[in-house]
């Protein structure tokens, strides 16, 4: 009797501790969520993590219209994704990644996203309730929820009989201790060792699938939590989730043995870990759930999209709060491409210099190295993508056509495919030309076109490629050092430039976009700033002047 009282007392202590921890953890979580709102997310990403995050997008990508890999890498969109990714769930961050890759060409879905974003941005209490629910699901590292949901069919279903036999054998061995302590003790030790070994052997075989099934169970709990919140503004999503979750109601009882209530674990989950190892209750439950999950894969994917939409738009709302200012883009389906932006800035630059531009033609941008050419066209590209994905522009005003968006900027030669920089470059430009069509204008960005070849052929070839863009349904922004192009293409391209000043042997950049072609010739003067000798600087100046007068280069003697 005394033993029973002690046991009940221990159980009561654990229950009270569990209730206290749950309440305390929720308070801490709310404090952390409020602190993190509108701040740069503190997440660590590996190559494997980013690869897994892209799995959902890879399954739905549109090669013709989406932001392709070259453009994504050219403008460092992984960094933009990380800046926005204040999601609470794995589904949310995978879905957010796909949102940023798939530009939209009408305002319907964009307007709905904006409605959700602004609701989450302005209704703190309801948003926090949702964030707590999403954090209850948690995130997975290097495993794609979407990918493994859709690979469950490939997992062989196995009988639970061996697990029942091992659990029964352990119980029998424990009972034997009361009749024959020596034999019972030895048998219990043997069964404990066997059950633990077999448990981890099976878990290793199905680890990723098991993790995802555990995640699905947390998803089902989250759906119940969200439904209970009864938020009218997201009723369409909660009704879909509630309806879909009924397909899995049979698994609610006993599901905790597979997935704890807290993705980060708590005291009760720690105790249950030992029970799972010894009696395999989570493996038995997993086998019973697997067939249902396979049959309802379509339903799970629908739930994935609903949760992903809500969680990703919460993250965008946090991103908007982070910005000093932003605007809702005014996008047009007119076939004639145009772009008009005011006080545009790059979200990754501290204390950015803003720029404005209004154009209906292709654009050539000239200026010296580090003057701001590449940064400006990257800023335009990022804003164009975010305008057509999360309906957000980092500017005071953004008016533009709906565009396909592509770039050819940060290219590299390949030692593996044995392709030179020039080959890589012309392939990259050709892929943009191949995507041009008469129905949707293309906004393309080129940095130092054909830099991988000699000056004569570069100017001849690049002028014709750039001319081709101007003759199609496209707006091309090209940064170049070749002033010759500004004259050759002056009937088809508007000219803009960035400039610098050299004051007291210091290079000063203002990073402001100016109309017209670059007229400053500071490249040779910069040699002096860098400490080159007067002899080199004087000789270079004489050679340049000789070429400008006679059109030929003097032979060095």
Protein backbone atom coordinates (compact mmCIF):
# COMPACT_ATOMS: atom_id res chain seq x y z
CA UNK A 1 0.00 0.00 0.00
CA UNK A 2 2.83 2.37 0.90
CA UNK A 3 4.47 1.70 -2.49
CA UNK A 4 1.23 2.60 -4.30
CA UNK A 5 0.92 5.88 -2.38
CA UNK A 6 4.53 6.81 -3.25
CA UNK A 7 3.95 5.95 -6.91
CA UNK A 8 0.77 8.02 -7.06
CA UNK A 9 2.61 10.90 -5.39
CA UNK A 10 5.37 10.78 -8.00
CA UNK A 11 2.79 10.74 -10.81
CA UNK A 12 1.02 13.73 -9.28
CA UNK A 13 4.29 15.65 -9.04
CA UNK A 14 5.01 14.95 -12.70
CA UNK A 15 1.50 16.04 -13.72
CA UNK A 16 1.72 19.29 -11.76
CA UNK A 17 5.21 19.92 -13.13
CA UNK A 18 3.94 19.26 -16.63
CA UNK A 19 1.05 21.73 -16.27
CA UNK A 20 3.39 24.35 -14.82
CA UNK A 21 5.96 23.84 -17.60
CA UNK A 22 3.27 24.11 -20.27
CA UNK A 23 1.99 27.40 -18.88
CA UNK A 24 5.47 28.77 -18.32
CA UNK A 25 6.64 27.75 -21.79
CA UNK A 26 3.67 29.50 -23.38
CA UNK A 27 4.47 32.72 -21.51
CA UNK A 28 8.10 32.52 -22.62
CA UNK A 29 7.05 31.81 -26.19
CA UNK A 30 4.74 34.83 -26.29
CA UNK A 31 7.54 37.05 -24.98
CA UNK A 32 9.93 35.69 -27.62
CA UNK A 33 7.40 36.08 -30.46
CA UNK A 34 6.78 39.72 -29.52
CA UNK A 35 10.51 40.37 -29.34
CA UNK A 36 11.18 38.73 -32.72
CA UNK A 37 8.35 40.54 -34.54
CA UNK A 38 9.66 42.92 -37.16
CA UNK A 39 13.25 41.81 -36.56
CA UNK A 40 15.72 39.94 -38.78
CA UNK A 41 15.14 36.21 -38.11
CA UNK A 42 18.00 34.44 -36.38
CA UNK A 43 18.10 31.21 -38.36
CA UNK A 44 21.06 29.14 -39.48
CA UNK A 45 20.96 27.60 -42.95
CA UNK A 46 23.13 24.92 -44.49
CA UNK A 47 23.21 23.91 -48.14
CA UNK A 48 21.17 20.81 -47.21
CA UNK A 49 18.58 22.93 -45.40
CA UNK A 50 18.05 25.23 -48.37
CA UNK A 51 17.84 22.24 -50.69
CA UNK A 52 15.12 20.61 -48.59
CA UNK A 53 13.22 23.92 -48.38
CA UNK A 54 12.97 24.00 -52.18
CA UNK A 55 11.34 20.56 -52.51
CA UNK A 56 7.75 21.82 -52.65
CA UNK A 57 8.66 24.46 -55.22
CA UNK A 58 10.50 21.92 -57.40
CA UNK A 59 7.30 19.87 -57.59
CA UNK A 60 5.21 22.76 -58.95
CA UNK A 61 7.69 24.90 -60.85
CA UNK A 62 6.92 26.45 -64.20
CA UNK A 63 10.11 26.63 -66.26
CA UNK A 64 8.72 29.26 -68.59
CA UNK A 65 7.47 31.83 -66.07
CA UNK A 66 9.09 31.32 -62.65
CA UNK A 67 12.22 32.94 -61.28
CA UNK A 68 14.83 30.49 -62.55
CA UNK A 69 17.95 29.33 -60.72
CA UNK A 70 20.32 31.70 -62.51
CA UNK A 71 18.22 34.76 -61.70
CA UNK A 72 17.63 33.56 -58.13
CA UNK A 73 21.38 33.21 -57.56
CA UNK A 74 22.32 36.39 -59.47
CA UNK A 75 20.42 38.62 -57.07
CA UNK A 76 21.04 36.58 -53.88
CA UNK A 77 17.39 35.68 -53.36
CA UNK A 78 18.39 33.07 -50.77
CA UNK A 79 19.43 36.02 -48.59
CA UNK A 80 16.10 37.75 -49.21
CA UNK A 81 14.26 34.55 -48.28
CA UNK A 82 16.24 34.34 -45.04
CA UNK A 83 15.41 37.97 -44.30
CA UNK A 84 11.68 37.30 -44.68
CA UNK A 85 11.52 33.82 -43.14
CA UNK A 86 9.96 34.52 -39.75
CA UNK A 87 7.74 31.44 -40.11
CA UNK A 88 6.98 29.08 -37.25
CA UNK A 89 6.49 25.81 -39.10
CA UNK A 90 8.29 23.69 -41.68
CA UNK A 91 5.27 23.93 -43.97
CA UNK A 92 5.32 27.71 -43.69
CA UNK A 93 8.95 28.14 -44.68
CA UNK A 94 8.75 25.62 -47.55
CA UNK A 95 5.66 27.38 -48.86
CA UNK A 96 7.27 30.83 -48.46
CA UNK A 97 10.20 29.69 -50.59
CA UNK A 98 7.81 28.61 -53.36
CA UNK A 99 5.93 31.93 -53.12
CA UNK A 100 9.13 33.88 -53.83
CA UNK A 101 9.95 31.71 -56.86
CA UNK A 102 6.54 31.95 -58.57
CA UNK A 103 5.75 35.47 -59.79
CA UNK A 104 2.07 36.20 -60.43
CA UNK A 105 0.61 37.84 -63.52
CA UNK A 106 -2.71 39.10 -62.14
CA UNK A 107 -3.81 40.82 -58.96
CA UNK A 108 -6.27 38.19 -57.71
CA UNK A 109 -4.03 36.01 -55.54
CA UNK A 110 -1.77 38.96 -54.74
CA UNK A 111 -4.72 40.89 -53.30
CA UNK A 112 -5.68 37.95 -51.09
CA UNK A 113 -2.10 37.67 -49.85
CA UNK A 114 -2.11 41.38 -49.09
CA UNK A 115 -5.37 41.04 -47.16
CA UNK A 116 -3.84 38.34 -44.95
CA UNK A 117 -0.56 40.22 -44.54
CA UNK A 118 -2.23 43.42 -43.41
CA UNK A 119 -4.57 41.53 -41.08
CA UNK A 120 -1.62 39.83 -39.39
CA UNK A 121 0.30 43.10 -39.26
CA UNK A 122 -2.51 45.00 -37.56
CA UNK A 123 -4.17 42.39 -35.32
CA UNK A 124 -1.46 41.47 -32.85
CA UNK A 125 -3.46 39.30 -30.48
CA UNK A 126 -4.96 37.05 -33.14
CA UNK A 127 -1.65 36.83 -34.98
CA UNK A 128 0.15 35.78 -31.80
CA UNK A 129 -2.41 33.03 -31.22
CA UNK A 130 -1.70 31.70 -34.69
CA UNK A 131 2.05 31.99 -34.24
CA UNK A 132 1.86 29.94 -31.03
CA UNK A 133 -0.04 27.25 -32.96
CA UNK A 134 2.52 27.23 -35.78
CA UNK A 135 5.43 27.05 -33.32
CA UNK A 136 3.69 24.03 -31.81
CA UNK A 137 4.37 22.25 -35.10
CA UNK A 138 7.98 23.42 -35.24
CA UNK A 139 10.49 23.06 -38.07
CA UNK A 140 12.51 20.19 -39.46
CA UNK A 141 16.16 20.44 -40.43
CA UNK A 142 17.25 18.96 -43.76
CA UNK A 143 13.95 17.11 -44.23
CA UNK A 144 11.17 18.34 -46.49
CA UNK A 145 7.70 17.69 -45.09
CA UNK A 146 6.19 17.91 -48.57
CA UNK A 147 8.74 15.58 -50.12
CA UNK A 148 8.27 12.82 -47.57
CA UNK A 149 4.49 13.12 -47.47
CA UNK A 150 4.57 12.33 -51.17
CA UNK A 151 7.10 9.52 -50.77
CA UNK A 152 5.14 7.57 -48.16
CA UNK A 153 3.89 5.25 -50.93
CA UNK A 154 7.43 4.00 -51.42
CA UNK A 155 7.73 2.86 -47.79
CA UNK A 156 7.01 -0.84 -47.27
CA UNK A 157 4.30 -1.53 -44.70
CA UNK A 158 5.47 -4.02 -42.06
CA UNK A 159 3.59 -6.05 -39.48
CA UNK A 160 3.47 -4.88 -35.88
CA UNK A 161 3.47 -8.46 -34.58
CA UNK A 162 7.22 -8.54 -33.76
CA UNK A 163 6.81 -5.39 -31.68
CA UNK A 164 3.86 -6.86 -29.79
CA UNK A 165 5.89 -10.01 -29.11
CA UNK A 166 8.88 -8.01 -27.82
CA UNK A 167 6.66 -5.86 -25.59
CA UNK A 168 4.86 -8.96 -24.30
CA UNK A 169 8.15 -10.71 -23.67
CA UNK A 170 9.43 -7.81 -21.55
CA UNK A 171 6.24 -7.72 -19.47
CA UNK A 172 6.49 -11.49 -18.95
CA UNK A 173 10.11 -11.19 -17.87
CA UNK A 174 9.24 -8.46 -15.33
CA UNK A 175 6.41 -10.58 -13.87
CA UNK A 176 8.80 -13.56 -13.63
CA UNK A 177 10.92 -11.56 -11.17
CA UNK A 178 8.19 -12.01 -8.52
CA UNK A 179 8.37 -15.82 -8.85
CA UNK A 180 12.03 -16.39 -9.72
CA UNK A 181 14.09 -13.22 -9.13
CA UNK A 182 17.31 -14.58 -10.64
CA UNK A 183 15.79 -15.95 -13.84
CA UNK A 184 13.40 -13.01 -14.13
CA UNK A 185 16.20 -10.48 -13.68
CA UNK A 186 18.39 -12.10 -16.33
CA UNK A 187 15.48 -12.42 -18.76
CA UNK A 188 14.40 -8.81 -18.11
CA UNK A 189 17.91 -7.54 -18.80
CA UNK A 190 18.05 -9.57 -22.01
CA UNK A 191 14.65 -8.35 -23.18
CA UNK A 192 15.47 -4.71 -22.38
CA UNK A 193 18.69 -4.94 -24.40
CA UNK A 194 16.97 -6.69 -27.31
CA UNK A 195 14.02 -4.30 -27.40
CA UNK A 196 16.25 -1.22 -27.40
CA UNK A 197 18.51 -2.63 -30.14
CA UNK A 198 15.56 -3.63 -32.34
CA UNK A 199 13.86 -0.28 -31.67
CA UNK A 200 16.77 1.79 -32.92
CA UNK A 201 17.38 -0.57 -35.82
CA UNK A 202 13.83 -0.07 -37.11
CA UNK A 203 13.86 3.66 -36.32
CA UNK A 204 17.02 4.07 -38.42
CA UNK A 205 15.29 2.42 -41.40
CA UNK A 206 12.29 4.76 -41.30
CA UNK A 207 13.74 7.77 -39.51
CA UNK A 208 12.79 10.48 -42.06
CA UNK A 209 9.33 8.99 -42.67
CA UNK A 210 8.76 8.59 -38.96
CA UNK A 211 9.76 12.20 -38.38
CA UNK A 212 7.29 13.39 -41.01
CA UNK A 213 4.48 11.21 -39.65
CA UNK A 214 5.17 12.68 -36.22
CA UNK A 215 4.96 16.08 -37.85
CA UNK A 216 1.62 15.24 -39.46
CA UNK A 217 0.24 14.40 -36.03
CA UNK A 218 1.41 17.78 -34.72
CA UNK A 219 -0.23 19.31 -37.81
CA UNK A 220 -3.56 17.70 -36.88
CA UNK A 221 -3.29 19.07 -33.34
CA UNK A 222 -2.42 22.50 -34.70
CA UNK A 223 -5.50 22.41 -36.93
CA UNK A 224 -7.68 21.82 -33.86
CA UNK A 225 -5.96 24.69 -32.05
CA UNK A 226 -6.45 27.06 -35.01
CA UNK A 227 -10.09 26.03 -35.44
CA UNK A 228 -10.82 26.73 -31.78
CA UNK A 229 -9.50 30.28 -32.21
CA UNK A 230 -12.51 31.02 -34.46
CA UNK A 231 -10.91 33.90 -36.39
CA UNK A 232 -13.42 35.13 -39.03
CA UNK A 233 -10.71 36.68 -41.23
CA UNK A 234 -9.20 33.26 -41.98
CA UNK A 235 -12.44 31.25 -41.96
CA UNK A 236 -11.97 29.97 -45.52
CA UNK A 237 -8.67 28.37 -44.51
CA UNK A 238 -9.81 27.00 -41.15
CA UNK A 239 -12.92 25.39 -42.65
CA UNK A 240 -10.80 23.63 -45.25
CA UNK A 241 -8.38 22.46 -42.56
CA UNK A 242 -11.16 21.29 -40.26
CA UNK A 243 -12.87 19.35 -43.04
CA UNK A 244 -9.62 17.71 -44.16
CA UNK A 245 -8.56 16.76 -40.63
CA UNK A 246 -11.67 14.59 -40.16
CA UNK A 247 -10.00 11.98 -42.36
CA UNK A 248 -7.51 11.37 -39.55
CA UNK A 249 -9.74 11.52 -36.47
CA UNK A 250 -9.18 7.82 -35.71
CA UNK A 251 -5.52 8.48 -34.89
CA UNK A 252 -6.02 11.16 -32.26
CA UNK A 253 -6.21 8.62 -29.43
CA UNK A 254 -2.72 7.53 -28.45
CA UNK A 255 -0.98 9.78 -30.97
CA UNK A 256 1.22 11.31 -28.28
CA UNK A 257 3.36 8.16 -28.25
CA UNK A 258 4.47 9.08 -31.80
CA UNK A 259 4.69 12.86 -31.46
CA UNK A 260 4.99 14.77 -28.21
CA UNK A 261 2.92 17.90 -27.72
CA UNK A 262 6.04 20.04 -27.70
CA UNK A 263 8.42 19.71 -30.70
CA UNK A 264 11.25 20.76 -28.39
CA UNK A 265 10.31 18.13 -25.83
CA UNK A 266 9.15 18.33 -22.19
CA UNK A 267 9.51 16.26 -19.03
CA UNK A 268 6.67 13.87 -19.86
CA UNK A 269 8.03 13.32 -23.37
CA UNK A 270 11.41 12.49 -21.86
CA UNK A 271 9.78 9.81 -19.70
CA UNK A 272 7.81 8.51 -22.68
CA UNK A 273 11.05 8.12 -24.64
CA UNK A 274 12.04 5.26 -22.34
CA UNK A 275 8.61 3.69 -22.66
CA UNK A 276 8.88 3.86 -26.47
CA UNK A 277 12.29 2.21 -26.50
CA UNK A 278 11.12 -0.65 -24.31
CA UNK A 279 7.60 -1.30 -25.62
CA UNK A 280 7.78 0.11 -29.20
CA UNK A 281 4.41 1.84 -28.82
CA UNK A 282 5.35 4.57 -31.29
CA UNK A 283 6.40 2.03 -33.94
CA UNK A 284 3.16 0.12 -33.50
CA UNK A 285 1.15 3.33 -33.81
CA UNK A 286 3.23 4.39 -36.83
CA UNK A 287 2.36 1.16 -38.66
CA UNK A 288 -1.35 1.67 -37.99
CA UNK A 289 -1.24 5.27 -39.29
CA UNK A 290 0.85 4.71 -42.40
CA UNK A 291 -1.86 3.20 -44.57
CA UNK A 292 -4.27 6.05 -43.79
CA UNK A 293 -1.64 8.68 -44.59
CA UNK A 294 -0.95 7.00 -47.93
CA UNK A 295 -4.64 6.95 -48.87
CA UNK A 296 -5.12 10.61 -47.91
CA UNK A 297 -2.02 12.10 -49.48
CA UNK A 298 -4.11 14.57 -51.54
CA UNK A 299 -5.85 15.78 -48.37
CA UNK A 300 -2.50 16.22 -46.62
CA UNK A 301 -1.22 18.30 -49.55
CA UNK A 302 -4.30 20.55 -49.34
CA UNK A 303 -3.69 21.05 -45.62
CA UNK A 304 -0.03 21.75 -46.40
CA UNK A 305 -1.01 24.61 -48.73
CA UNK A 306 -3.49 26.14 -46.26
CA UNK A 307 -1.06 26.07 -43.32
CA UNK A 308 1.77 27.20 -45.60
CA UNK A 309 -0.23 30.16 -46.87
CA UNK A 310 -1.16 31.42 -43.41
CA UNK A 311 2.28 30.94 -41.84
CA UNK A 312 4.16 32.45 -44.79
CA UNK A 313 1.93 35.54 -44.83
CA UNK A 314 2.57 36.02 -41.11
CA UNK A 315 6.28 36.09 -41.98
CA UNK A 316 5.71 38.67 -44.73
CA UNK A 317 3.75 40.82 -42.26
CA UNK A 318 6.78 40.75 -39.95
CA UNK A 319 9.00 41.67 -42.92
CA UNK A 320 6.84 44.69 -43.76
CA UNK A 321 7.03 45.80 -40.13
CA UNK A 322 10.83 45.59 -40.35
CA UNK A 323 11.00 48.00 -43.31
CA UNK A 324 11.36 51.75 -42.87
CA UNK A 325 8.73 52.11 -45.57
CA UNK A 326 7.13 50.06 -48.35
CA UNK A 327 4.29 50.37 -50.83
CA UNK A 328 1.64 48.17 -52.39
CA UNK A 329 2.61 47.91 -56.09
CA UNK A 330 0.32 49.13 -58.84
CA UNK A 331 0.62 46.45 -61.49
CA UNK A 332 -0.78 46.59 -65.00
CA UNK A 333 -1.52 43.98 -67.66
CA UNK A 334 -0.85 46.40 -70.53
CA UNK A 335 1.22 44.77 -73.25
CA UNK A 336 3.48 47.81 -73.55
CA UNK A 337 6.08 47.35 -70.79
CA UNK A 338 6.77 50.20 -68.39
CA UNK A 339 8.36 50.76 -64.99
CA UNK A 340 8.03 53.73 -62.62
CA UNK A 341 9.49 53.62 -59.11
CA UNK A 342 10.22 56.30 -56.51
CA UNK A 343 12.86 56.14 -53.77
CA UNK A 344 13.63 52.48 -54.30
CA UNK A 345 16.02 50.75 -51.88
CA UNK A 346 17.69 47.39 -51.27
CA UNK A 347 16.43 45.62 -48.11
CA UNK A 348 19.82 44.07 -47.26
CA UNK A 349 21.78 47.35 -47.22
CA UNK A 350 22.09 49.37 -44.03
CA UNK A 351 21.37 53.05 -44.62
CA UNK A 352 20.68 52.51 -48.34
CA UNK A 353 20.76 55.29 -50.93
CA UNK A 354 17.39 55.46 -52.68
CA UNK A 355 16.86 55.97 -56.40
CA UNK A 356 13.94 56.65 -58.72
CA UNK A 357 13.35 55.93 -62.39
CA UNK A 358 10.50 56.18 -64.89
CA UNK A 359 10.92 54.33 -68.18
CA UNK A 360 9.13 52.74 -71.11
CA UNK A 361 12.32 51.82 -72.96
CA UNK A 362 15.31 49.59 -72.38
CA UNK A 363 18.07 51.14 -70.27
CA UNK A 364 21.86 51.28 -70.41
CA UNK A 365 23.66 52.18 -67.19
CA UNK A 366 27.29 53.31 -67.28
CA UNK A 367 29.79 54.33 -64.62
CA UNK A 368 32.98 53.15 -62.97
CA UNK A 369 33.45 50.05 -60.83
CA UNK A 370 31.82 50.23 -57.38
CA UNK A 371 29.76 53.26 -58.38
CA UNK A 372 26.44 51.45 -57.89
CA UNK A 373 25.47 50.01 -61.29
CA UNK A 374 25.16 46.36 -60.25
CA UNK A 375 23.53 47.14 -56.93
CA UNK A 376 20.90 49.28 -58.64
CA UNK A 377 19.85 46.64 -61.16
CA UNK A 378 19.81 43.98 -58.41
CA UNK A 379 17.60 46.26 -56.34
CA UNK A 380 15.21 46.67 -59.27
CA UNK A 381 15.12 42.91 -59.86
CA UNK A 382 14.44 42.10 -56.19
CA UNK A 383 11.66 44.68 -55.99
CA UNK A 384 10.08 43.42 -59.20
CA UNK A 385 10.02 39.87 -57.82
CA UNK A 386 8.67 40.86 -54.40
CA UNK A 387 6.04 43.06 -56.04
CA UNK A 388 4.69 40.09 -57.99
CA UNK A 389 4.99 37.54 -55.18
CA UNK A 390 4.32 39.15 -51.78
CA UNK A 391 2.80 42.38 -53.15
CA UNK A 392 5.47 44.45 -51.44
CA UNK A 393 7.91 46.98 -52.89
CA UNK A 394 10.68 48.67 -50.91
CA UNK A 395 9.86 52.07 -52.38
CA UNK A 396 7.55 55.04 -51.96
CA UNK A 397 5.78 54.13 -55.19
CA UNK A 398 6.00 51.19 -57.62
CA UNK A 399 4.04 51.17 -60.87
CA UNK A 400 4.88 48.60 -63.52
CA UNK A 401 3.72 45.96 -65.94
CA UNK A 402 3.33 42.38 -64.86
CA UNK A 403 6.70 40.97 -65.94
CA UNK A 404 8.52 37.76 -66.44
CA UNK A 405 11.83 38.41 -64.67
CA UNK A 406 15.25 37.09 -65.68
CA UNK A 407 18.88 38.09 -65.32
CA UNK A 408 22.40 37.33 -66.49
CA UNK A 409 24.78 38.80 -63.94
CA UNK A 410 26.89 36.80 -61.48
CA UNK A 411 28.07 34.10 -63.86
CA UNK A 412 31.10 31.84 -63.47
CA UNK A 413 33.04 29.56 -65.78
CA UNK A 414 32.87 25.85 -65.01
CA UNK A 415 35.91 23.61 -64.58
CA UNK A 416 33.58 20.62 -64.39
CA UNK A 417 31.79 21.12 -67.71
CA UNK A 418 34.95 22.70 -69.20
CA UNK A 419 32.94 25.71 -70.36
CA UNK A 420 34.66 29.09 -70.52
CA UNK A 421 33.11 32.20 -69.01
CA UNK A 422 32.14 33.38 -72.48
CA UNK A 423 30.29 30.12 -73.26
CA UNK A 424 28.45 30.27 -69.94
CA UNK A 425 27.55 33.90 -70.64
CA UNK A 426 26.16 33.45 -74.13
CA UNK A 427 24.11 30.46 -72.96
CA UNK A 428 22.70 32.54 -70.14
CA UNK A 429 21.71 35.36 -72.50
CA UNK A 430 20.24 32.90 -75.01
CA UNK A 431 17.96 31.42 -72.34
CA UNK A 432 16.47 34.90 -71.75
CA UNK A 433 15.92 35.45 -75.47
CA UNK A 434 14.19 32.06 -75.67
CA UNK A 435 11.76 33.03 -72.90
CA UNK A 436 10.54 36.22 -74.60
CA UNK A 437 6.92 36.13 -75.70
CA UNK A 438 4.28 38.53 -76.92
CA UNK A 439 1.78 37.88 -74.12
CA UNK A 440 3.81 38.77 -71.03
CA UNK A 441 6.55 41.44 -71.07
CA UNK A 442 9.98 40.37 -69.85
CA UNK A 443 12.03 42.45 -67.44
CA UNK A 444 15.65 41.40 -67.80
CA UNK A 445 18.89 42.50 -66.19
CA UNK A 446 22.36 42.13 -67.68
CA UNK A 447 25.60 43.09 -65.96
CA UNK A 448 28.60 43.74 -68.24
CA UNK A 449 27.27 41.94 -71.28
CA UNK A 450 29.82 39.60 -72.94
CA UNK A 451 32.67 40.64 -70.65
CA UNK A 452 34.29 37.28 -71.37
CA UNK A 453 35.61 38.20 -74.82
CA UNK A 454 37.74 40.85 -76.53
CA UNK A 455 36.65 44.47 -76.87
CA UNK A 456 35.99 44.50 -80.65
CA UNK A 457 33.80 41.40 -80.72
CA UNK A 458 32.19 42.23 -77.37
CA UNK A 459 30.86 45.56 -78.62
CA UNK A 460 29.79 44.15 -81.98
CA UNK A 461 27.98 41.14 -80.50
CA UNK A 462 26.58 42.76 -77.37
CA UNK A 463 25.09 45.65 -79.33
CA UNK A 464 23.15 43.19 -81.47
CA UNK A 465 21.97 41.13 -78.48
CA UNK A 466 20.83 44.24 -76.64
CA UNK A 467 19.18 45.51 -79.82
CA UNK A 468 17.25 42.20 -80.02
CA UNK A 469 15.82 42.79 -76.54
CA UNK A 470 14.64 46.25 -77.56
CA UNK A 471 12.77 44.80 -80.56
CA UNK A 472 10.83 42.30 -78.44
CA UNK A 473 8.23 42.60 -75.70
CA UNK A 474 10.90 43.34 -73.10
CA UNK A 475 12.56 45.95 -70.92
CA UNK A 476 16.26 45.32 -70.52
CA UNK A 477 18.43 47.02 -67.91
CA UNK A 478 22.08 46.55 -68.85
CA UNK A 479 25.08 47.79 -66.89
CA UNK A 480 28.21 48.33 -68.96
CA UNK A 481 31.62 49.99 -69.10
CA UNK A 482 31.43 50.22 -72.89
CA UNK A 483 30.49 53.83 -73.63
CA UNK A 484 30.41 52.84 -77.32
CA UNK A 485 27.16 50.95 -76.67
CA UNK A 486 25.44 54.11 -75.47
CA UNK A 487 26.06 55.67 -78.90
CA UNK A 488 25.31 52.58 -80.98
CA UNK A 489 22.00 51.95 -79.17
CA UNK A 490 20.95 55.53 -78.43
CA UNK A 491 17.80 55.17 -80.59
CA UNK A 492 16.63 52.16 -78.57
CA UNK A 493 18.05 52.52 -75.04
CA UNK A 494 17.73 55.34 -72.53
CA UNK A 495 21.04 56.24 -70.90
CA UNK A 496 21.69 56.59 -67.18
CA UNK A 497 24.88 56.60 -65.16
CA UNK A 498 26.50 56.64 -61.74
CA UNK A 499 29.52 58.76 -61.01
CA UNK A 500 32.24 59.28 -58.42
CA UNK A 501 34.49 62.12 -57.36
CA UNK A 502 38.13 62.09 -56.35
CA UNK A 503 38.75 64.55 -53.54
CA UNK A 504 42.09 64.75 -51.71
CA UNK A 505 43.06 61.32 -53.03
CA UNK A 506 39.81 59.79 -51.75
CA UNK A 507 37.16 58.16 -53.94
CA UNK A 508 33.67 59.43 -53.08
CA UNK A 509 30.54 57.71 -54.38
CA UNK A 510 27.05 59.12 -53.91
CA UNK A 511 25.31 56.08 -55.53
CA UNK A 512 22.68 58.33 -57.13
CA UNK A 513 21.29 57.45 -60.54
CA UNK A 514 21.73 60.26 -63.07
CA UNK A 515 20.35 60.76 -66.57
CA UNK A 516 22.63 60.45 -69.59
CA UNK A 517 25.77 58.47 -70.31
CA UNK A 518 28.81 58.60 -68.02
CA UNK A 519 31.20 61.38 -68.95
CA UNK A 520 33.78 61.18 -66.16
CA UNK A 521 37.11 59.51 -66.96
CA UNK A 522 38.49 58.68 -63.56
CA UNK A 523 39.89 55.19 -64.17
CA UNK A 524 43.46 56.44 -64.66
CA UNK A 525 43.14 58.93 -61.80
CA UNK A 526 42.14 56.04 -59.54
CA UNK A 527 45.59 54.53 -60.11
CA UNK A 528 47.03 57.49 -58.26
CA UNK A 529 44.63 57.04 -55.37
CA UNK A 530 45.80 53.46 -55.10
CA UNK A 531 49.45 54.51 -54.95
CA UNK A 532 50.67 53.83 -58.52
CA UNK A 533 53.72 55.78 -59.69
CA UNK A 534 53.45 59.08 -61.59
CA UNK A 535 55.28 57.46 -64.50
CA UNK A 536 52.59 54.80 -64.96
CA UNK A 537 49.78 57.32 -64.56
CA UNK A 538 51.33 59.86 -66.97
CA UNK A 539 52.08 57.24 -69.63
CA UNK A 540 48.56 55.82 -69.39
CA UNK A 541 47.06 59.30 -69.80
CA UNK A 542 49.24 59.99 -72.87
CA UNK A 543 48.23 56.66 -74.44
CA UNK A 544 44.53 57.37 -73.88
CA UNK A 545 44.79 60.85 -75.34
CA UNK A 546 46.67 59.49 -78.36
CA UNK A 547 43.90 57.00 -79.03
CA UNK A 548 41.20 59.68 -78.71
CA UNK A 549 43.02 61.90 -81.25
CA UNK A 550 44.20 59.33 -83.81
CA UNK A 551 41.99 56.30 -83.19
CA UNK A 552 45.05 54.02 -82.81
CA UNK A 553 47.18 52.82 -79.92
CA UNK A 554 50.82 53.82 -79.84
CA UNK A 555 53.43 51.06 -79.72
CA UNK A 556 55.39 51.04 -76.46
CA UNK A 557 59.13 51.45 -76.92
